N, C-alpha and C. Protein backbone atom coordinates (compact mmCIF):
# COMPACT_ATOMS: atom_id res chain seq x y z
N MET A 1 41.13 -70.06 77.10
CA MET A 1 40.30 -70.95 77.86
C MET A 1 40.13 -70.37 79.27
N ALA A 2 38.91 -70.26 79.74
CA ALA A 2 38.65 -69.73 81.07
C ALA A 2 38.99 -70.77 82.12
N ALA A 3 39.53 -70.28 83.23
CA ALA A 3 39.87 -71.17 84.33
C ALA A 3 38.58 -71.67 84.98
N PRO A 4 38.57 -72.92 85.42
CA PRO A 4 37.37 -73.46 86.05
C PRO A 4 37.09 -72.80 87.39
N ALA A 5 35.82 -72.63 87.70
CA ALA A 5 35.44 -72.09 89.00
C ALA A 5 35.58 -73.19 90.04
N LEU A 6 36.35 -72.92 91.06
CA LEU A 6 36.59 -73.91 92.11
C LEU A 6 36.37 -73.27 93.47
N SER A 7 36.00 -74.08 94.42
CA SER A 7 35.70 -73.54 95.73
C SER A 7 36.90 -73.50 96.66
N GLY A 8 37.83 -74.44 96.51
CA GLY A 8 38.91 -74.54 97.47
C GLY A 8 40.15 -73.77 97.10
N ALA A 9 40.95 -73.52 98.13
CA ALA A 9 42.24 -72.87 97.93
C ALA A 9 43.25 -73.89 97.42
N VAL A 10 44.30 -73.39 96.83
CA VAL A 10 45.40 -74.25 96.41
C VAL A 10 46.22 -74.59 97.64
N ILE A 11 46.52 -75.87 97.80
CA ILE A 11 47.33 -76.33 98.91
C ILE A 11 48.58 -76.98 98.33
N VAL A 12 49.75 -76.50 98.77
CA VAL A 12 51.02 -77.04 98.29
C VAL A 12 51.64 -77.85 99.42
N THR A 13 51.93 -79.11 99.13
CA THR A 13 52.55 -80.00 100.10
C THR A 13 53.70 -80.74 99.43
N GLN A 14 54.53 -81.35 100.25
CA GLN A 14 55.59 -82.18 99.69
C GLN A 14 54.96 -83.43 99.10
N ALA A 15 55.35 -83.75 97.88
CA ALA A 15 54.80 -84.94 97.20
C ALA A 15 55.37 -86.20 97.84
N THR A 16 54.59 -87.26 97.77
CA THR A 16 55.02 -88.57 98.25
C THR A 16 54.94 -89.57 97.11
N HIS A 17 55.42 -90.76 97.38
CA HIS A 17 55.34 -91.81 96.35
C HIS A 17 53.89 -92.14 96.00
N ASN A 18 52.95 -91.88 96.90
CA ASN A 18 51.54 -92.10 96.59
C ASN A 18 51.03 -91.16 95.50
N ASP A 19 51.72 -90.04 95.31
CA ASP A 19 51.32 -89.05 94.31
C ASP A 19 51.81 -89.39 92.90
N ILE A 20 52.67 -90.37 92.77
CA ILE A 20 53.33 -90.63 91.48
C ILE A 20 52.34 -90.85 90.34
N PRO A 21 51.30 -91.66 90.47
CA PRO A 21 50.38 -91.82 89.32
C PRO A 21 49.75 -90.49 88.89
N ASP A 22 49.34 -89.67 89.86
CA ASP A 22 48.74 -88.37 89.52
C ASP A 22 49.76 -87.44 88.88
N ILE A 23 51.00 -87.47 89.35
CA ILE A 23 52.04 -86.61 88.79
C ILE A 23 52.33 -87.03 87.34
N CYS A 24 52.45 -88.31 87.10
CA CYS A 24 52.70 -88.79 85.73
C CYS A 24 51.56 -88.41 84.80
N ALA A 25 50.33 -88.52 85.28
CA ALA A 25 49.17 -88.13 84.48
C ALA A 25 49.19 -86.62 84.21
N LEU A 26 49.61 -85.84 85.18
CA LEU A 26 49.72 -84.39 84.99
C LEU A 26 50.75 -84.07 83.92
N TYR A 27 51.95 -84.66 84.01
CA TYR A 27 52.97 -84.41 82.99
C TYR A 27 52.45 -84.79 81.59
N LYS A 28 51.70 -85.86 81.50
CA LYS A 28 51.14 -86.26 80.20
C LYS A 28 50.19 -85.18 79.68
N ARG A 29 49.27 -84.70 80.54
CA ARG A 29 48.32 -83.66 80.12
C ARG A 29 49.05 -82.39 79.69
N VAL A 30 50.04 -81.99 80.50
CA VAL A 30 50.76 -80.75 80.23
C VAL A 30 51.50 -80.81 78.90
N TRP A 31 52.25 -81.88 78.68
CA TRP A 31 53.12 -81.92 77.51
C TRP A 31 52.42 -82.40 76.25
N ASP A 32 51.25 -83.05 76.36
CA ASP A 32 50.52 -83.46 75.16
C ASP A 32 50.14 -82.25 74.30
N GLU A 33 49.91 -81.10 74.92
CA GLU A 33 49.52 -79.92 74.14
C GLU A 33 50.67 -79.40 73.27
N TYR A 34 51.89 -79.86 73.53
CA TYR A 34 53.05 -79.43 72.75
C TYR A 34 53.43 -80.42 71.66
N ARG A 35 52.64 -81.48 71.51
CA ARG A 35 52.93 -82.48 70.48
C ARG A 35 52.96 -81.79 69.11
N GLY A 36 54.04 -82.02 68.37
CA GLY A 36 54.22 -81.38 67.08
C GLY A 36 54.85 -79.99 67.15
N LYS A 37 54.99 -79.46 68.37
CA LYS A 37 55.56 -78.12 68.55
C LYS A 37 56.96 -78.16 69.13
N ILE A 38 57.29 -79.26 69.79
CA ILE A 38 58.64 -79.46 70.33
C ILE A 38 59.12 -80.83 69.87
N PRO A 39 60.43 -81.05 69.87
CA PRO A 39 60.94 -82.34 69.39
C PRO A 39 60.30 -83.53 70.12
N ASP A 40 60.01 -84.59 69.38
CA ASP A 40 59.37 -85.79 69.95
C ASP A 40 60.20 -86.40 71.08
N ASP A 41 61.53 -86.39 70.95
CA ASP A 41 62.38 -86.95 72.00
C ASP A 41 62.25 -86.16 73.29
N LEU A 42 62.14 -84.85 73.19
CA LEU A 42 61.97 -84.01 74.36
C LEU A 42 60.62 -84.30 75.00
N LEU A 43 59.58 -84.38 74.18
CA LEU A 43 58.24 -84.67 74.67
C LEU A 43 58.23 -86.00 75.43
N LYS A 44 58.84 -87.01 74.86
CA LYS A 44 58.89 -88.32 75.51
C LYS A 44 59.63 -88.26 76.83
N ALA A 45 60.72 -87.52 76.87
CA ALA A 45 61.53 -87.42 78.09
C ALA A 45 60.77 -86.71 79.22
N TRP A 46 59.85 -85.83 78.87
CA TRP A 46 59.12 -85.05 79.87
C TRP A 46 57.78 -85.68 80.25
N GLN A 47 57.52 -86.90 79.77
CA GLN A 47 56.30 -87.61 80.12
C GLN A 47 56.68 -88.97 80.72
N PRO A 48 57.19 -88.95 81.96
CA PRO A 48 57.68 -90.20 82.54
C PRO A 48 56.55 -91.15 82.91
N ASN A 49 56.88 -92.45 82.88
CA ASN A 49 55.95 -93.42 83.45
C ASN A 49 56.27 -93.48 84.96
N PRO A 50 55.43 -94.16 85.75
CA PRO A 50 55.66 -94.18 87.20
C PRO A 50 57.05 -94.69 87.62
N LEU A 51 57.57 -95.69 86.94
CA LEU A 51 58.90 -96.19 87.29
C LEU A 51 59.96 -95.13 87.02
N GLU A 52 59.87 -94.47 85.87
CA GLU A 52 60.83 -93.40 85.55
C GLU A 52 60.73 -92.27 86.55
N PHE A 53 59.50 -91.89 86.91
CA PHE A 53 59.35 -90.79 87.86
C PHE A 53 59.89 -91.16 89.23
N THR A 54 59.75 -92.41 89.61
CA THR A 54 60.32 -92.85 90.89
C THR A 54 61.82 -92.57 90.91
N SER A 55 62.50 -92.80 89.80
CA SER A 55 63.94 -92.50 89.75
C SER A 55 64.18 -91.00 89.75
N TRP A 56 63.27 -90.21 89.18
CA TRP A 56 63.40 -88.75 89.23
C TRP A 56 63.39 -88.25 90.67
N MET A 57 62.67 -88.95 91.54
CA MET A 57 62.52 -88.50 92.93
C MET A 57 63.78 -88.72 93.77
N GLU A 58 64.71 -89.50 93.28
CA GLU A 58 65.93 -89.74 94.06
C GLU A 58 66.74 -88.46 94.15
N GLY A 59 66.91 -87.96 95.35
CA GLY A 59 67.67 -86.74 95.57
C GLY A 59 66.93 -85.47 95.22
N VAL A 60 65.65 -85.58 94.90
CA VAL A 60 64.85 -84.41 94.54
C VAL A 60 63.60 -84.40 95.42
N THR A 61 63.30 -83.24 95.99
CA THR A 61 62.07 -83.06 96.75
C THR A 61 61.05 -82.42 95.83
N TYR A 62 59.91 -83.06 95.68
CA TYR A 62 58.85 -82.53 94.81
C TYR A 62 57.74 -81.93 95.67
N PHE A 63 57.21 -80.82 95.17
CA PHE A 63 56.03 -80.20 95.78
C PHE A 63 54.86 -80.39 94.85
N ALA A 64 53.70 -80.70 95.44
CA ALA A 64 52.48 -80.92 94.67
C ALA A 64 51.46 -79.87 95.08
N ALA A 65 50.82 -79.26 94.10
CA ALA A 65 49.75 -78.29 94.34
C ALA A 65 48.43 -78.97 94.04
N ARG A 66 47.50 -78.85 94.97
CA ARG A 66 46.18 -79.45 94.80
C ARG A 66 45.12 -78.38 95.02
N ARG A 67 44.08 -78.49 94.23
CA ARG A 67 42.92 -77.63 94.41
C ARG A 67 41.70 -78.52 94.36
N ASP A 68 40.90 -78.45 95.39
CA ASP A 68 39.75 -79.36 95.53
C ASP A 68 40.18 -80.81 95.35
N ARG A 69 41.33 -81.16 95.95
CA ARG A 69 41.93 -82.49 95.98
C ARG A 69 42.49 -82.97 94.64
N LYS A 70 42.39 -82.17 93.62
CA LYS A 70 42.93 -82.54 92.30
C LYS A 70 44.36 -82.00 92.19
N LEU A 71 45.28 -82.85 91.74
CA LEU A 71 46.65 -82.42 91.51
C LEU A 71 46.66 -81.49 90.30
N VAL A 72 47.09 -80.24 90.52
CA VAL A 72 47.05 -79.25 89.45
C VAL A 72 48.43 -78.68 89.12
N GLY A 73 49.45 -79.03 89.92
CA GLY A 73 50.79 -78.54 89.65
C GLY A 73 51.83 -79.31 90.43
N VAL A 74 53.06 -79.28 89.91
CA VAL A 74 54.16 -79.99 90.56
C VAL A 74 55.48 -79.30 90.20
N MET A 75 56.44 -79.38 91.13
CA MET A 75 57.78 -78.85 90.88
C MET A 75 58.76 -79.57 91.80
N GLY A 76 59.96 -79.82 91.27
CA GLY A 76 61.00 -80.48 92.05
C GLY A 76 62.11 -79.51 92.44
N CYS A 77 62.80 -79.85 93.54
CA CYS A 77 63.92 -79.05 94.06
C CYS A 77 65.05 -80.01 94.45
N SER A 78 66.25 -79.62 94.07
CA SER A 78 67.41 -80.44 94.39
C SER A 78 68.47 -79.54 95.00
N LEU A 79 68.91 -79.87 96.22
CA LEU A 79 69.93 -79.10 96.91
C LEU A 79 71.27 -79.80 96.75
N GLN A 80 72.23 -79.08 96.20
CA GLN A 80 73.57 -79.63 96.03
C GLN A 80 74.59 -78.50 96.15
N ASP A 81 75.58 -78.71 96.98
CA ASP A 81 76.68 -77.76 97.13
C ASP A 81 76.20 -76.36 97.46
N GLY A 82 75.15 -76.24 98.28
CA GLY A 82 74.67 -74.94 98.72
C GLY A 82 73.76 -74.21 97.76
N ALA A 83 73.43 -74.83 96.64
CA ALA A 83 72.52 -74.21 95.67
C ALA A 83 71.36 -75.16 95.39
N VAL A 84 70.21 -74.59 95.12
CA VAL A 84 69.02 -75.38 94.80
C VAL A 84 68.70 -75.21 93.32
N ARG A 85 68.46 -76.33 92.68
CA ARG A 85 68.02 -76.34 91.28
C ARG A 85 66.55 -76.72 91.25
N LEU A 86 65.74 -75.93 90.57
CA LEU A 86 64.32 -76.23 90.39
C LEU A 86 64.16 -77.01 89.09
N VAL A 87 63.33 -78.05 89.13
CA VAL A 87 63.16 -78.91 87.97
C VAL A 87 61.70 -79.28 87.76
N ASN A 88 61.36 -79.53 86.51
CA ASN A 88 60.12 -80.19 86.12
C ASN A 88 58.84 -79.48 86.59
N LEU A 89 58.82 -78.15 86.48
CA LEU A 89 57.61 -77.40 86.81
C LEU A 89 56.54 -77.72 85.77
N ALA A 90 55.35 -78.02 86.26
CA ALA A 90 54.21 -78.26 85.36
C ALA A 90 52.93 -77.85 86.08
N VAL A 91 52.06 -77.17 85.34
CA VAL A 91 50.74 -76.80 85.85
C VAL A 91 49.71 -77.26 84.82
N ASP A 92 48.67 -77.90 85.32
CA ASP A 92 47.59 -78.39 84.46
C ASP A 92 47.10 -77.25 83.57
N PRO A 93 46.98 -77.50 82.26
CA PRO A 93 46.54 -76.44 81.34
C PRO A 93 45.21 -75.78 81.73
N GLU A 94 44.32 -76.53 82.36
CA GLU A 94 43.02 -75.97 82.76
C GLU A 94 43.12 -75.06 83.97
N PHE A 95 44.26 -75.05 84.65
CA PHE A 95 44.39 -74.31 85.89
C PHE A 95 45.50 -73.27 85.84
N ARG A 96 45.90 -72.87 84.65
CA ARG A 96 46.96 -71.87 84.51
C ARG A 96 46.41 -70.48 84.79
N ARG A 97 47.32 -69.60 85.11
CA ARG A 97 47.02 -68.19 85.38
C ARG A 97 46.18 -68.01 86.64
N LEU A 98 46.34 -68.94 87.57
CA LEU A 98 45.67 -68.85 88.87
C LEU A 98 46.68 -68.71 90.01
N GLY A 99 47.96 -68.55 89.68
CA GLY A 99 48.99 -68.39 90.70
C GLY A 99 49.57 -69.69 91.22
N ILE A 100 49.24 -70.80 90.59
CA ILE A 100 49.70 -72.11 91.07
C ILE A 100 51.21 -72.26 90.90
N ALA A 101 51.73 -71.90 89.74
CA ALA A 101 53.19 -71.97 89.53
C ALA A 101 53.90 -71.07 90.52
N GLN A 102 53.36 -69.89 90.75
CA GLN A 102 53.95 -68.96 91.72
C GLN A 102 54.00 -69.58 93.11
N GLN A 103 52.93 -70.25 93.52
CA GLN A 103 52.91 -70.89 94.84
C GLN A 103 53.93 -72.02 94.91
N LEU A 104 54.08 -72.78 93.85
CA LEU A 104 55.07 -73.85 93.83
C LEU A 104 56.48 -73.28 93.94
N VAL A 105 56.75 -72.21 93.20
CA VAL A 105 58.08 -71.59 93.27
C VAL A 105 58.31 -71.01 94.67
N GLN A 106 57.31 -70.37 95.24
CA GLN A 106 57.46 -69.81 96.59
C GLN A 106 57.74 -70.92 97.62
N ALA A 107 57.04 -72.05 97.50
CA ALA A 107 57.30 -73.17 98.40
C ALA A 107 58.73 -73.68 98.23
N SER A 108 59.19 -73.70 96.99
CA SER A 108 60.55 -74.14 96.71
C SER A 108 61.58 -73.17 97.27
N LEU A 109 61.32 -71.88 97.16
CA LEU A 109 62.24 -70.88 97.72
C LEU A 109 62.32 -71.00 99.25
N GLU A 110 61.18 -71.24 99.88
CA GLU A 110 61.17 -71.43 101.34
C GLU A 110 61.95 -72.69 101.71
N TRP A 111 61.77 -73.75 100.94
CA TRP A 111 62.50 -75.00 101.18
C TRP A 111 64.00 -74.74 101.05
N ALA A 112 64.39 -73.95 100.05
CA ALA A 112 65.81 -73.62 99.84
C ALA A 112 66.36 -72.82 101.02
N ARG A 113 65.58 -71.86 101.50
CA ARG A 113 66.03 -71.06 102.66
C ARG A 113 66.21 -71.95 103.89
N ARG A 114 65.26 -72.85 104.13
CA ARG A 114 65.37 -73.76 105.28
C ARG A 114 66.59 -74.67 105.14
N GLY A 115 66.98 -74.97 103.92
CA GLY A 115 68.15 -75.80 103.66
C GLY A 115 69.44 -75.01 103.61
N SER A 116 69.37 -73.72 103.96
CA SER A 116 70.53 -72.82 103.98
C SER A 116 71.20 -72.69 102.61
N ALA A 117 70.42 -72.75 101.57
CA ALA A 117 70.97 -72.55 100.22
C ALA A 117 71.34 -71.08 100.04
N SER A 118 72.34 -70.84 99.24
CA SER A 118 72.74 -69.46 98.96
C SER A 118 72.09 -68.93 97.68
N SER A 119 71.65 -69.84 96.82
CA SER A 119 71.00 -69.42 95.59
C SER A 119 70.09 -70.53 95.07
N VAL A 120 69.19 -70.12 94.19
CA VAL A 120 68.27 -71.04 93.53
C VAL A 120 68.36 -70.75 92.04
N TRP A 121 68.44 -71.78 91.24
CA TRP A 121 68.51 -71.57 89.81
C TRP A 121 67.57 -72.52 89.08
N VAL A 122 67.22 -72.10 87.89
CA VAL A 122 66.29 -72.87 87.07
C VAL A 122 66.68 -72.65 85.62
N GLU A 123 66.35 -73.61 84.80
CA GLU A 123 66.57 -73.47 83.37
C GLU A 123 65.23 -73.67 82.68
N SER A 124 65.05 -72.97 81.56
CA SER A 124 63.82 -73.08 80.79
C SER A 124 64.17 -73.03 79.32
N LEU A 125 63.45 -73.79 78.52
CA LEU A 125 63.62 -73.62 77.09
C LEU A 125 63.38 -72.14 76.79
N SER A 126 64.24 -71.55 76.03
CA SER A 126 64.14 -70.11 75.74
C SER A 126 62.83 -69.75 75.07
N ARG A 127 62.21 -70.69 74.37
CA ARG A 127 60.94 -70.42 73.69
C ARG A 127 59.78 -70.27 74.67
N PHE A 128 59.95 -70.69 75.94
CA PHE A 128 58.87 -70.60 76.92
C PHE A 128 58.93 -69.24 77.63
N ASP A 129 58.51 -68.20 76.90
CA ASP A 129 58.55 -66.83 77.42
C ASP A 129 57.76 -66.69 78.72
N GLY A 130 56.61 -67.37 78.81
CA GLY A 130 55.78 -67.25 80.00
C GLY A 130 56.48 -67.75 81.25
N ALA A 131 57.18 -68.87 81.13
CA ALA A 131 57.91 -69.41 82.29
C ALA A 131 59.04 -68.46 82.68
N ILE A 132 59.76 -67.96 81.69
CA ILE A 132 60.87 -67.05 81.99
C ILE A 132 60.34 -65.78 82.66
N SER A 133 59.23 -65.24 82.16
CA SER A 133 58.63 -64.05 82.77
C SER A 133 58.19 -64.32 84.20
N LEU A 134 57.61 -65.49 84.45
CA LEU A 134 57.19 -65.84 85.80
C LEU A 134 58.39 -65.83 86.75
N PHE A 135 59.47 -66.49 86.36
CA PHE A 135 60.63 -66.54 87.24
C PHE A 135 61.22 -65.14 87.46
N GLN A 136 61.24 -64.33 86.43
CA GLN A 136 61.76 -62.97 86.59
C GLN A 136 60.86 -62.16 87.53
N LYS A 137 59.56 -62.34 87.43
CA LYS A 137 58.61 -61.67 88.32
C LYS A 137 58.87 -62.06 89.78
N LEU A 138 59.36 -63.28 89.99
CA LEU A 138 59.61 -63.78 91.34
C LEU A 138 61.04 -63.53 91.81
N GLY A 139 61.77 -62.67 91.09
CA GLY A 139 63.09 -62.25 91.55
C GLY A 139 64.26 -62.97 90.93
N PHE A 140 64.02 -63.84 89.97
CA PHE A 140 65.12 -64.52 89.28
C PHE A 140 65.68 -63.60 88.21
N GLN A 141 66.98 -63.70 87.98
CA GLN A 141 67.65 -62.93 86.95
C GLN A 141 68.17 -63.88 85.89
N ALA A 142 67.95 -63.53 84.62
CA ALA A 142 68.54 -64.32 83.54
C ALA A 142 70.05 -64.17 83.63
N CYS A 143 70.76 -65.29 83.58
CA CYS A 143 72.22 -65.23 83.75
C CYS A 143 72.97 -65.94 82.63
N GLY A 144 72.26 -66.40 81.62
CA GLY A 144 72.94 -67.02 80.50
C GLY A 144 72.01 -67.82 79.62
N VAL A 145 72.53 -68.19 78.47
CA VAL A 145 71.80 -69.03 77.52
C VAL A 145 72.73 -70.14 77.07
N LEU A 146 72.24 -71.34 77.10
CA LEU A 146 72.96 -72.48 76.54
C LEU A 146 72.34 -72.74 75.16
N HIS A 147 73.12 -72.50 74.14
CA HIS A 147 72.61 -72.62 72.78
C HIS A 147 72.55 -74.08 72.34
N ARG A 148 71.40 -74.44 71.76
CA ARG A 148 71.18 -75.80 71.24
C ARG A 148 71.55 -76.86 72.28
N HIS A 149 71.10 -76.65 73.50
CA HIS A 149 71.52 -77.48 74.63
C HIS A 149 70.75 -78.79 74.72
N TYR A 150 69.46 -78.72 74.97
CA TYR A 150 68.63 -79.93 75.07
C TYR A 150 67.88 -80.11 73.75
N TRP A 151 68.09 -81.25 73.13
CA TRP A 151 67.40 -81.57 71.89
C TRP A 151 67.48 -80.41 70.90
N ARG A 152 68.66 -79.79 70.85
CA ARG A 152 68.95 -78.68 69.93
C ARG A 152 68.12 -77.44 70.21
N GLU A 153 67.65 -77.32 71.43
CA GLU A 153 66.87 -76.16 71.85
C GLU A 153 67.73 -75.24 72.72
N ASP A 154 67.56 -73.92 72.56
CA ASP A 154 68.24 -72.98 73.44
C ASP A 154 67.57 -73.03 74.82
N VAL A 155 68.40 -72.90 75.86
CA VAL A 155 67.94 -72.95 77.24
C VAL A 155 68.41 -71.69 77.95
N THR A 156 67.48 -71.00 78.61
CA THR A 156 67.80 -69.82 79.39
C THR A 156 68.01 -70.23 80.85
N LEU A 157 69.10 -69.77 81.44
CA LEU A 157 69.40 -70.02 82.85
C LEU A 157 68.98 -68.80 83.65
N LEU A 158 68.32 -69.05 84.78
CA LEU A 158 67.89 -67.96 85.67
C LEU A 158 68.32 -68.29 87.08
N GLU A 159 68.71 -67.26 87.84
CA GLU A 159 69.20 -67.46 89.20
C GLU A 159 68.55 -66.48 90.15
N HIS A 160 68.28 -66.94 91.35
CA HIS A 160 67.75 -66.11 92.44
C HIS A 160 68.72 -66.26 93.61
N VAL A 161 69.39 -65.18 93.97
CA VAL A 161 70.32 -65.22 95.08
C VAL A 161 69.54 -64.97 96.36
N LEU A 162 69.73 -65.85 97.34
CA LEU A 162 68.98 -65.74 98.61
C LEU A 162 69.75 -64.89 99.62
């Protein structure tokens, strides 16, 4: 699928509670394409309603990527004990391969540096080769696999030392 022609640049900002409906709609669009390809329980867990997402925001800073005012990507960051964990990366299927995920990760790395984190880590279902490749391209190193971890799926752990 060809990416849509757009006039504006991607702008990444910290998400607010006003963004919650758009973020929930984005997660629905992103994960609906995996229906029948990943376990139903996992799919349901990754498509929060606004109340569920509000609880996801506790202790997590989310970044939102917008292009021409449309929410096209989101990623969360959680700082604990000197390390940052990246969570819930999603990019609208119509806007993939435009560098949006890369911009979200870069914003998260800058946020981690400002927070004096010593490392940043992320986990991905091992079947998501594209996500793993993206993180490796951005300096993350694979550091382990948790077998049958989430919903009996293997999970690859990646770390970026700052």
